[in-house]
């Protein structure tokens, strides 16, 4: 898979998370877990 990246100083990344069964509420019913995970990741490997 090829991801295009613009190597611009001060640029940012955007990502989307999907699940195969779009009728499920897994992503929104457990959003707190996702937020905690991203916060922990950012404390270990700071986003620039």
Protein backbone atom coordinates (compact mmCIF):
# COMPACT_ATOMS: atom_id res chain seq x y z
CA UNK A 1 0.00 0.00 0.00
CA UNK A 2 1.32 3.44 -0.89
CA UNK A 3 0.73 6.45 1.32
CA UNK A 4 1.51 9.86 -0.08
CA UNK A 5 3.38 12.14 2.31
CA UNK A 6 4.09 15.81 1.92
CA UNK A 7 7.33 16.51 3.73
CA UNK A 8 6.35 20.00 4.75
CA UNK A 9 7.74 21.55 7.93
CA UNK A 10 4.85 21.93 10.37
CA UNK A 11 2.64 19.53 8.40
CA UNK A 12 0.28 17.12 10.12
CA UNK A 13 -1.17 13.65 9.62
CA UNK A 14 -4.80 12.63 9.58
CA UNK A 15 -6.08 9.10 9.92
CA UNK A 16 -9.46 7.40 9.90
CA UNK A 17 -10.46 4.24 11.74
CA UNK A 18 -13.23 2.02 10.38
CA UNK A 19 -14.62 -1.39 11.21
CA UNK A 20 -15.97 -3.85 8.65
CA UNK A 21 -19.46 -4.09 10.18
CA UNK A 22 -20.68 -0.50 10.10
CA UNK A 23 -23.79 -1.37 12.12
CA UNK A 24 -21.65 -1.97 15.22
CA UNK A 25 -21.01 0.85 17.70
CA UNK A 26 -17.62 -0.42 18.85
CA UNK A 27 -15.70 2.72 17.95
CA UNK A 28 -18.08 5.20 19.55
CA UNK A 29 -19.07 3.12 22.55
CA UNK A 30 -15.40 2.76 23.56
CA UNK A 31 -14.09 6.17 22.50
CA UNK A 32 -12.57 6.73 25.95
CA UNK A 33 -10.20 3.81 25.38
CA UNK A 34 -9.05 5.29 22.08
CA UNK A 35 -8.43 8.68 23.67
CA UNK A 36 -6.42 7.11 26.51
CA UNK A 37 -4.39 5.08 24.03
CA UNK A 38 -3.52 8.13 21.93
CA UNK A 39 -2.62 10.12 25.05
CA UNK A 40 -0.32 7.35 26.25
CA UNK A 41 1.28 7.01 22.83
CA UNK A 42 1.84 10.76 22.66
CA UNK A 43 3.55 10.71 26.07
CA UNK A 44 5.94 7.95 24.93
CA UNK A 45 6.47 9.11 21.34
CA UNK A 46 5.47 12.78 21.14
CA UNK A 47 3.61 13.85 18.06
CA UNK A 48 5.47 16.59 16.25
